């Protein structure tokens, strides 16, 4: 794969860190975390129409350790995936995973939540799908890496059972990332003749965007159904 500078990963890191600085500054100056107040996943406020809260939590964090852990994971998985997926496809993966995670959390958990771990779990799932779909190209290394990815995912989901962690958001992000990567992620093949060999992606940008719209639409529909059912008094 070409050594493309992972501009989207670095931009996401910078924006997320900047937002956390604003969170700390807000707490210091006015005694309230205004960014979190405006953007945290709150079921009651989403129900009232503040739908941006299904995506803004990916930019917010509750502590220095929280953001350090998530930014470490983004920096670990992001560059390689961005080089494989391309800038815009990687951005779609990140945002769709975060959105999917918050929708599932909205469905399953009444607690307020924040953090980019919904999107990070989507990257983890996408990495696993990418390795599996291109396993013939990567050979035995793909199997080892895939086992490692599954182990990390399972271990973190078990850790997520601890009180105060939005594990449903993790599950949703993982599912969103897996779905997008399965239907819209790169399928690589070797083209050319030796020594002028190169990797080509069999899956077009149009296919990727169709997959993104389908996955985003699926979770948007799920969110709409939840809101409708709860407004109608159905016990969800």
C-alpha atoms as a PDB file:
ATOM      1  CA  UNK A   1       0.000   0.000   0.000  1.00  0.00           C
ATOM      2  CA  UNK A   2       1.251   3.548  -0.729  1.00  0.00           C
ATOM      3  CA  UNK A   3       2.747   5.465   2.149  1.00  0.00           C
ATOM      4  CA  UNK A   4       0.075   8.156   2.146  1.00  0.00           C
ATOM      5  CA  UNK A   5       0.215  10.633   5.016  1.00  0.00           C
ATOM      6  CA  UNK A   6      -2.768   9.821   7.286  1.00  0.00           C
ATOM      7  CA  UNK A   7      -4.160  13.351   7.265  1.00  0.00           C
ATOM      8  CA  UNK A   8      -7.628  12.364   8.496  1.00  0.00           C
ATOM      9  CA  UNK A   9      -6.214  10.464  11.470  1.00  0.00           C
ATOM     10  CA  UNK A  10      -4.012  13.400  12.458  1.00  0.00           C
ATOM     11  CA  UNK A  11      -6.906  15.842  11.992  1.00  0.00           C
ATOM     12  CA  UNK A  12      -9.192  13.721  14.171  1.00  0.00           C
ATOM     13  CA  UNK A  13      -6.485  13.532  16.827  1.00  0.00           C
ATOM     14  CA  UNK A  14      -5.989  17.309  16.743  1.00  0.00           C
ATOM     15  CA  UNK A  15      -9.698  18.153  16.842  1.00  0.00           C
ATOM     16  CA  UNK A  16     -10.427  15.689  19.657  1.00  0.00           C
ATOM     17  CA  UNK A  17      -7.530  16.964  21.745  1.00  0.00           C
ATOM     18  CA  UNK A  18      -8.598  20.574  21.084  1.00  0.00           C
ATOM     19  CA  UNK A  19     -12.144  19.790  22.223  1.00  0.00           C
ATOM     20  CA  UNK A  20     -10.782  18.225  25.415  1.00  0.00           C
ATOM     21  CA  UNK A  21      -8.706  21.365  26.060  1.00  0.00           C
ATOM     22  CA  UNK A  22     -11.919  23.377  25.652  1.00  0.00           C
ATOM     23  CA  UNK A  23     -13.648  21.022  28.104  1.00  0.00           C
ATOM     24  CA  UNK A  24     -10.933  21.577  30.707  1.00  0.00           C
ATOM     25  CA  UNK A  25     -10.873  25.322  30.050  1.00  0.00           C
ATOM     26  CA  UNK A  26     -14.633  25.518  30.437  1.00  0.00           C
ATOM     27  CA  UNK A  27     -14.490  23.676  33.754  1.00  0.00           C
ATOM     28  CA  UNK A  28     -11.743  26.002  34.981  1.00  0.00           C
ATOM     29  CA  UNK A  29     -13.371  29.261  33.848  1.00  0.00           C
ATOM     30  CA  UNK A  30     -17.079  28.695  34.496  1.00  0.00           C
ATOM     31  CA  UNK A  31     -17.117  25.536  36.604  1.00  0.00           C
ATOM     32  CA  UNK A  32     -19.102  23.577  34.007  1.00  0.00           C
ATOM     33  CA  UNK A  33     -18.043  21.372  31.108  1.00  0.00           C
ATOM     34  CA  UNK A  34     -19.959  23.256  28.431  1.00  0.00           C
ATOM     35  CA  UNK A  35     -18.854  21.110  25.429  1.00  0.00           C
ATOM     36  CA  UNK A  36     -20.008  17.968  27.229  1.00  0.00           C
ATOM     37  CA  UNK A  37     -23.202  19.697  28.326  1.00  0.00           C
ATOM     38  CA  UNK A  38     -23.956  20.509  24.693  1.00  0.00           C
ATOM     39  CA  UNK A  39     -22.801  17.265  23.103  1.00  0.00           C
ATOM     40  CA  UNK A  40     -22.985  14.273  25.460  1.00  0.00           C
ATOM     41  CA  UNK A  41     -25.253  11.366  24.518  1.00  0.00           C
ATOM     42  CA  UNK A  42     -28.386  12.046  26.552  1.00  0.00           C
ATOM     43  CA  UNK A  43     -31.394   9.883  25.760  1.00  0.00           C
ATOM     44  CA  UNK A  44     -33.857  12.461  27.052  1.00  0.00           C
ATOM     45  CA  UNK A  45     -32.425  15.290  24.945  1.00  0.00           C
ATOM     46  CA  UNK A  46     -32.095  13.109  21.833  1.00  0.00           C
ATOM     47  CA  UNK A  47     -35.739  12.205  22.337  1.00  0.00           C
ATOM     48  CA  UNK A  48     -36.527  15.946  22.337  1.00  0.00           C
ATOM     49  CA  UNK A  49     -34.871  16.384  18.953  1.00  0.00           C
ATOM     50  CA  UNK A  50     -31.192  17.069  19.714  1.00  0.00           C
ATOM     51  CA  UNK A  51     -30.082  14.460  17.189  1.00  0.00           C
ATOM     52  CA  UNK A  52     -26.507  15.767  16.946  1.00  0.00           C
ATOM     53  CA  UNK A  53     -25.907  14.001  20.241  1.00  0.00           C
ATOM     54  CA  UNK A  54     -25.767  10.725  18.303  1.00  0.00           C
ATOM     55  CA  UNK A  55     -22.388  11.783  16.823  1.00  0.00           C
ATOM     56  CA  UNK A  56     -20.865  14.586  18.957  1.00  0.00           C
ATOM     57  CA  UNK A  57     -19.895  12.237  21.844  1.00  0.00           C
ATOM     58  CA  UNK A  58     -16.993  10.934  19.711  1.00  0.00           C
ATOM     59  CA  UNK A  59     -15.239  14.281  20.269  1.00  0.00           C
ATOM     60  CA  UNK A  60     -15.775  14.377  24.045  1.00  0.00           C
ATOM     61  CA  UNK A  61     -13.970  12.674  26.932  1.00  0.00           C
ATOM     62  CA  UNK A  62     -14.453  12.440  30.661  1.00  0.00           C
ATOM     63  CA  UNK A  63     -10.850  12.369  31.946  1.00  0.00           C
ATOM     64  CA  UNK A  64      -7.242  12.619  30.862  1.00  0.00           C
ATOM     65  CA  UNK A  65      -6.850   8.835  30.991  1.00  0.00           C
ATOM     66  CA  UNK A  66      -9.997   8.420  28.932  1.00  0.00           C
ATOM     67  CA  UNK A  67      -8.726  10.587  26.079  1.00  0.00           C
ATOM     68  CA  UNK A  68      -5.163   9.244  26.296  1.00  0.00           C
ATOM     69  CA  UNK A  69      -6.342   5.657  25.900  1.00  0.00           C
ATOM     70  CA  UNK A  70      -8.633   6.465  22.971  1.00  0.00           C
ATOM     71  CA  UNK A  71      -6.125   8.675  21.170  1.00  0.00           C
ATOM     72  CA  UNK A  72      -3.463   6.007  21.590  1.00  0.00           C
ATOM     73  CA  UNK A  73      -5.828   3.508  19.946  1.00  0.00           C
ATOM     74  CA  UNK A  74      -6.712   5.947  17.149  1.00  0.00           C
ATOM     75  CA  UNK A  75      -3.031   6.550  16.462  1.00  0.00           C
ATOM     76  CA  UNK A  76      -2.365   2.792  16.514  1.00  0.00           C
ATOM     77  CA  UNK A  77      -5.141   1.731  14.124  1.00  0.00           C
ATOM     78  CA  UNK A  78      -5.858   4.908  12.176  1.00  0.00           C
ATOM     79  CA  UNK A  79      -2.795   5.395   9.930  1.00  0.00           C
ATOM     80  CA  UNK A  80      -2.752   1.850   8.544  1.00  0.00           C
ATOM     81  CA  UNK A  81      -6.494   1.785   7.941  1.00  0.00           C
ATOM     82  CA  UNK A  82      -6.442   5.225   6.341  1.00  0.00           C
ATOM     83  CA  UNK A  83      -3.714   4.140   3.935  1.00  0.00           C
ATOM     84  CA  UNK A  84      -5.738   1.039   3.031  1.00  0.00           C
ATOM     85  CA  UNK A  85      -9.159   2.704   2.860  1.00  0.00           C
ATOM     86  CA  UNK A  86      -8.173   6.151   1.604  1.00  0.00           C
ATOM     87  CA  UNK A  87      -8.873   9.464   3.312  1.00  0.00           C
ATOM     88  CA  UNK A  88     -12.599   9.869   2.683  1.00  0.00           C
ATOM     89  CA  UNK A  89     -13.475   6.217   3.114  1.00  0.00           C
ATOM     90  CA  UNK A  90     -11.609   6.167   6.421  1.00  0.00           C
ATOM     91  CA  UNK A  91     -13.426   9.297   7.605  1.00  0.00           C
ATOM     92  CA  UNK A  92     -16.740   7.657   6.699  1.00  0.00           C
ATOM     93  CA  UNK A  93     -15.706   4.546   8.642  1.00  0.00           C
ATOM     94  CA  UNK A  94     -14.855   6.567  11.749  1.00  0.00           C
ATOM     95  CA  UNK A  95     -18.018   8.665  11.737  1.00  0.00           C
ATOM     96  CA  UNK A  96     -20.338   5.785  10.865  1.00  0.00           C
ATOM     97  CA  UNK A  97     -18.867   3.675  13.661  1.00  0.00           C
ATOM     98  CA  UNK A  98     -19.289   6.482  16.172  1.00  0.00           C
ATOM     99  CA  UNK A  99     -22.855   7.088  15.018  1.00  0.00           C
ATOM    100  CA  UNK A 100     -23.738   3.382  15.119  1.00  0.00           C
ATOM    101  CA  UNK A 101     -22.298   3.043  18.609  1.00  0.00           C
ATOM    102  CA  UNK A 102     -24.303   5.961  19.958  1.00  0.00           C
ATOM    103  CA  UNK A 103     -27.508   4.730  18.322  1.00  0.00           C
ATOM    104  CA  UNK A 104     -27.127   1.301  19.960  1.00  0.00           C
ATOM    105  CA  UNK A 105     -26.308   3.004  23.262  1.00  0.00           C
ATOM    106  CA  UNK A 106     -29.429   5.146  22.832  1.00  0.00           C
ATOM    107  CA  UNK A 107     -31.434   1.951  22.372  1.00  0.00           C
ATOM    108  CA  UNK A 108     -29.888  -0.131  25.131  1.00  0.00           C
ATOM    109  CA  UNK A 109     -28.485   2.176  27.822  1.00  0.00           C
ATOM    110  CA  UNK A 110     -30.296   4.964  29.700  1.00  0.00           C
ATOM    111  CA  UNK A 111     -27.053   6.467  30.993  1.00  0.00           C
ATOM    112  CA  UNK A 112     -25.422   9.550  29.494  1.00  0.00           C
ATOM    113  CA  UNK A 113     -22.148   8.746  27.740  1.00  0.00           C
ATOM    114  CA  UNK A 114     -19.277  10.279  25.815  1.00  0.00           C
ATOM    115  CA  UNK A 115     -16.013   9.207  24.236  1.00  0.00           C
ATOM    116  CA  UNK A 116     -14.543   8.160  20.900  1.00  0.00           C
ATOM    117  CA  UNK A 117     -14.394   4.482  21.869  1.00  0.00           C
ATOM    118  CA  UNK A 118     -17.534   3.859  19.779  1.00  0.00           C
ATOM    119  CA  UNK A 119     -15.537   4.875  16.695  1.00  0.00           C
ATOM    120  CA  UNK A 120     -12.378   3.114  17.920  1.00  0.00           C
ATOM    121  CA  UNK A 121     -14.251  -0.191  18.177  1.00  0.00           C
ATOM    122  CA  UNK A 122     -15.430   0.399  14.615  1.00  0.00           C
ATOM    123  CA  UNK A 123     -11.799   0.729  13.512  1.00  0.00           C
ATOM    124  CA  UNK A 124     -11.002  -2.494  15.342  1.00  0.00           C
ATOM    125  CA  UNK A 125     -13.818  -4.323  13.558  1.00  0.00           C
ATOM    126  CA  UNK A 126     -12.839  -2.853  10.194  1.00  0.00           C
ATOM    127  CA  UNK A 127      -9.237  -3.963  10.688  1.00  0.00           C
ATOM    128  CA  UNK A 128     -10.442  -7.511  11.271  1.00  0.00           C
ATOM    129  CA  UNK A 129     -12.674  -7.466   8.191  1.00  0.00           C
ATOM    130  CA  UNK A 130      -9.886  -5.999   6.051  1.00  0.00           C
ATOM    131  CA  UNK A 131      -7.503  -8.750   7.114  1.00  0.00           C
ATOM    132  CA  UNK A 132     -10.086 -11.470   6.532  1.00  0.00           C
ATOM    133  CA  UNK A 133     -11.205 -10.238   3.108  1.00  0.00           C
ATOM    134  CA  UNK A 134      -7.591  -9.907   1.930  1.00  0.00           C
ATOM    135  CA  UNK A 135      -6.249 -12.998   3.713  1.00  0.00           C
ATOM    136  CA  UNK A 136      -4.987 -14.622   0.506  1.00  0.00           C
ATOM    137  CA  UNK A 137      -2.859 -11.570  -0.208  1.00  0.00           C
ATOM    138  CA  UNK A 138      -1.369 -11.338   3.291  1.00  0.00           C
ATOM    139  CA  UNK A 139      -0.910 -15.082   3.773  1.00  0.00           C
ATOM    140  CA  UNK A 140      -0.144 -16.571   7.192  1.00  0.00           C
ATOM    141  CA  UNK A 141       0.385 -13.123   8.697  1.00  0.00           C
ATOM    142  CA  UNK A 142      -3.302 -12.357   8.172  1.00  0.00           C
ATOM    143  CA  UNK A 143      -4.385 -15.262  10.383  1.00  0.00           C
ATOM    144  CA  UNK A 144      -2.062 -14.214  13.219  1.00  0.00           C
ATOM    145  CA  UNK A 145      -3.127 -10.577  12.994  1.00  0.00           C
ATOM    146  CA  UNK A 146      -6.801 -11.523  12.832  1.00  0.00           C
ATOM    147  CA  UNK A 147      -6.518 -13.662  15.965  1.00  0.00           C
ATOM    148  CA  UNK A 148      -4.807 -10.732  17.690  1.00  0.00           C
ATOM    149  CA  UNK A 149      -7.601  -8.331  16.634  1.00  0.00           C
ATOM    150  CA  UNK A 150     -10.316 -10.699  17.878  1.00  0.00           C
ATOM    151  CA  UNK A 151      -8.466 -11.166  21.172  1.00  0.00           C
ATOM    152  CA  UNK A 152      -8.156  -7.404  21.687  1.00  0.00           C
ATOM    153  CA  UNK A 153     -11.836  -6.861  20.848  1.00  0.00           C
ATOM    154  CA  UNK A 154     -13.067  -9.598  23.199  1.00  0.00           C
ATOM    155  CA  UNK A 155     -10.763  -8.460  26.008  1.00  0.00           C
ATOM    156  CA  UNK A 156     -11.969  -4.863  25.722  1.00  0.00           C
ATOM    157  CA  UNK A 157     -15.611  -5.896  25.602  1.00  0.00           C
ATOM    158  CA  UNK A 158     -15.062  -7.890  28.799  1.00  0.00           C
ATOM    159  CA  UNK A 159     -13.387  -4.862  30.399  1.00  0.00           C
ATOM    160  CA  UNK A 160     -16.374  -2.849  29.196  1.00  0.00           C
ATOM    161  CA  UNK A 161     -18.642  -4.855  31.485  1.00  0.00           C
ATOM    162  CA  UNK A 162     -17.259  -2.787  34.373  1.00  0.00           C
ATOM    163  CA  UNK A 163     -19.636  -0.212  35.886  1.00  0.00           C
ATOM    164  CA  UNK A 164     -19.585   3.211  34.268  1.00  0.00           C
ATOM    165  CA  UNK A 165     -18.483   1.994  30.819  1.00  0.00           C
ATOM    166  CA  UNK A 166     -20.902   2.223  27.888  1.00  0.00           C
ATOM    167  CA  UNK A 167     -20.302  -1.251  26.493  1.00  0.00           C
ATOM    168  CA  UNK A 168     -23.394  -1.078  24.295  1.00  0.00           C
ATOM    169  CA  UNK A 169     -21.756   1.835  22.523  1.00  0.00           C
ATOM    170  CA  UNK A 170     -18.701  -0.358  21.954  1.00  0.00           C
ATOM    171  CA  UNK A 171     -20.845  -3.149  20.519  1.00  0.00           C
ATOM    172  CA  UNK A 172     -22.676  -0.758  18.218  1.00  0.00           C
ATOM    173  CA  UNK A 173     -19.465   0.836  16.994  1.00  0.00           C
ATOM    174  CA  UNK A 174     -17.967  -2.584  16.331  1.00  0.00           C
ATOM    175  CA  UNK A 175     -21.017  -3.656  14.321  1.00  0.00           C
ATOM    176  CA  UNK A 176     -21.053  -0.411  12.352  1.00  0.00           C
ATOM    177  CA  UNK A 177     -17.365  -0.706  11.484  1.00  0.00           C
ATOM    178  CA  UNK A 178     -17.696  -4.359  10.488  1.00  0.00           C
ATOM    179  CA  UNK A 179     -20.692  -3.674   8.231  1.00  0.00           C
ATOM    180  CA  UNK A 180     -19.070  -0.755   6.436  1.00  0.00           C
ATOM    181  CA  UNK A 181     -15.765  -2.566   5.983  1.00  0.00           C
ATOM    182  CA  UNK A 182     -17.491  -5.732   4.748  1.00  0.00           C
ATOM    183  CA  UNK A 183     -19.533  -3.958   2.069  1.00  0.00           C
ATOM    184  CA  UNK A 184     -17.403  -0.890   1.398  1.00  0.00           C
ATOM    185  CA  UNK A 185     -13.853  -1.689   2.471  1.00  0.00           C
ATOM    186  CA  UNK A 186     -10.980  -2.340   0.062  1.00  0.00           C
ATOM    187  CA  UNK A 187     -10.603  -5.656  -1.758  1.00  0.00           C
ATOM    188  CA  UNK A 188      -7.015  -5.713  -2.957  1.00  0.00           C
ATOM    189  CA  UNK A 189      -5.462  -7.520  -5.888  1.00  0.00           C
ATOM    190  CA  UNK A 190      -1.987  -7.512  -7.376  1.00  0.00           C
ATOM    191  CA  UNK A 191      -1.749  -5.981 -10.849  1.00  0.00           C
ATOM    192  CA  UNK A 192       1.062  -5.605 -13.374  1.00  0.00           C
ATOM    193  CA  UNK A 193       4.020  -7.787 -14.250  1.00  0.00           C
ATOM    194  CA  UNK A 194       7.181  -8.277 -12.255  1.00  0.00           C
ATOM    195  CA  UNK A 195       8.982  -6.095 -11.284  1.00  0.00           C
ATOM    196  CA  UNK A 196       6.279  -3.451 -11.850  1.00  0.00           C
ATOM    197  CA  UNK A 197       3.679  -4.896  -9.481  1.00  0.00           C
ATOM    198  CA  UNK A 198       1.186  -2.799  -7.559  1.00  0.00           C
ATOM    199  CA  UNK A 199      -1.948  -3.230  -5.461  1.00  0.00           C
ATOM    200  CA  UNK A 200      -5.309  -2.212  -6.872  1.00  0.00           C
ATOM    201  CA  UNK A 201      -8.651  -1.947  -5.108  1.00  0.00           C
ATOM    202  CA  UNK A 202     -11.422  -3.937  -6.791  1.00  0.00           C
ATOM    203  CA  UNK A 203     -14.102  -2.014  -4.887  1.00  0.00           C
ATOM    204  CA  UNK A 204     -14.891   1.372  -6.386  1.00  0.00           C
ATOM    205  CA  UNK A 205     -15.489   4.608  -4.502  1.00  0.00           C
ATOM    206  CA  UNK A 206     -19.108   4.449  -5.649  1.00  0.00           C
ATOM    207  CA  UNK A 207     -19.538   1.047  -4.001  1.00  0.00           C
ATOM    208  CA  UNK A 208     -17.996   2.380  -0.812  1.00  0.00           C
ATOM    209  CA  UNK A 209     -20.317   5.375  -0.682  1.00  0.00           C
ATOM    210  CA  UNK A 210     -23.336   3.174  -1.347  1.00  0.00           C
ATOM    211  CA  UNK A 211     -22.235   0.973   1.561  1.00  0.00           C
ATOM    212  CA  UNK A 212     -21.786   4.044   3.743  1.00  0.00           C
ATOM    213  CA  UNK A 213     -25.249   5.344   2.900  1.00  0.00           C
ATOM    214  CA  UNK A 214     -26.756   1.918   3.568  1.00  0.00           C
ATOM    215  CA  UNK A 215     -25.051   1.510   6.956  1.00  0.00           C
ATOM    216  CA  UNK A 216     -25.764   5.090   7.979  1.00  0.00           C
ATOM    217  CA  UNK A 217     -29.354   4.765   6.812  1.00  0.00           C
ATOM    218  CA  UNK A 218     -29.810   1.515   8.725  1.00  0.00           C
ATOM    219  CA  UNK A 219     -28.752   3.057  12.034  1.00  0.00           C
ATOM    220  CA  UNK A 220     -30.605   6.307  11.318  1.00  0.00           C
ATOM    221  CA  UNK A 221     -33.750   4.250  10.742  1.00  0.00           C
ATOM    222  CA  UNK A 222     -33.136   2.392  13.990  1.00  0.00           C
ATOM    223  CA  UNK A 223     -32.794   5.714  15.840  1.00  0.00           C
ATOM    224  CA  UNK A 224     -35.987   7.020  14.228  1.00  0.00           C
ATOM    225  CA  UNK A 225     -37.894   3.875  15.232  1.00  0.00           C
ATOM    226  CA  UNK A 226     -36.652   4.157  18.819  1.00  0.00           C
ATOM    227  CA  UNK A 227     -37.716   7.811  19.036  1.00  0.00           C
ATOM    228  CA  UNK A 228     -41.116   7.047  17.507  1.00  0.00           C
ATOM    229  CA  UNK A 229     -41.754   4.089  19.805  1.00  0.00           C
ATOM    230  CA  UNK A 230     -40.730   5.987  22.932  1.00  0.00           C
ATOM    231  CA  UNK A 231     -42.821   9.003  22.030  1.00  0.00           C
ATOM    232  CA  UNK A 232     -45.734   6.642  21.535  1.00  0.00           C
ATOM    233  CA  UNK A 233     -45.258   5.277  25.031  1.00  0.00           C
ATOM    234  CA  UNK A 234     -44.044   1.847  23.953  1.00  0.00           C
ATOM    235  CA  UNK A 235     -41.830   0.363  26.660  1.00  0.00           C
ATOM    236  CA  UNK A 236     -38.381   0.238  25.048  1.00  0.00           C
END
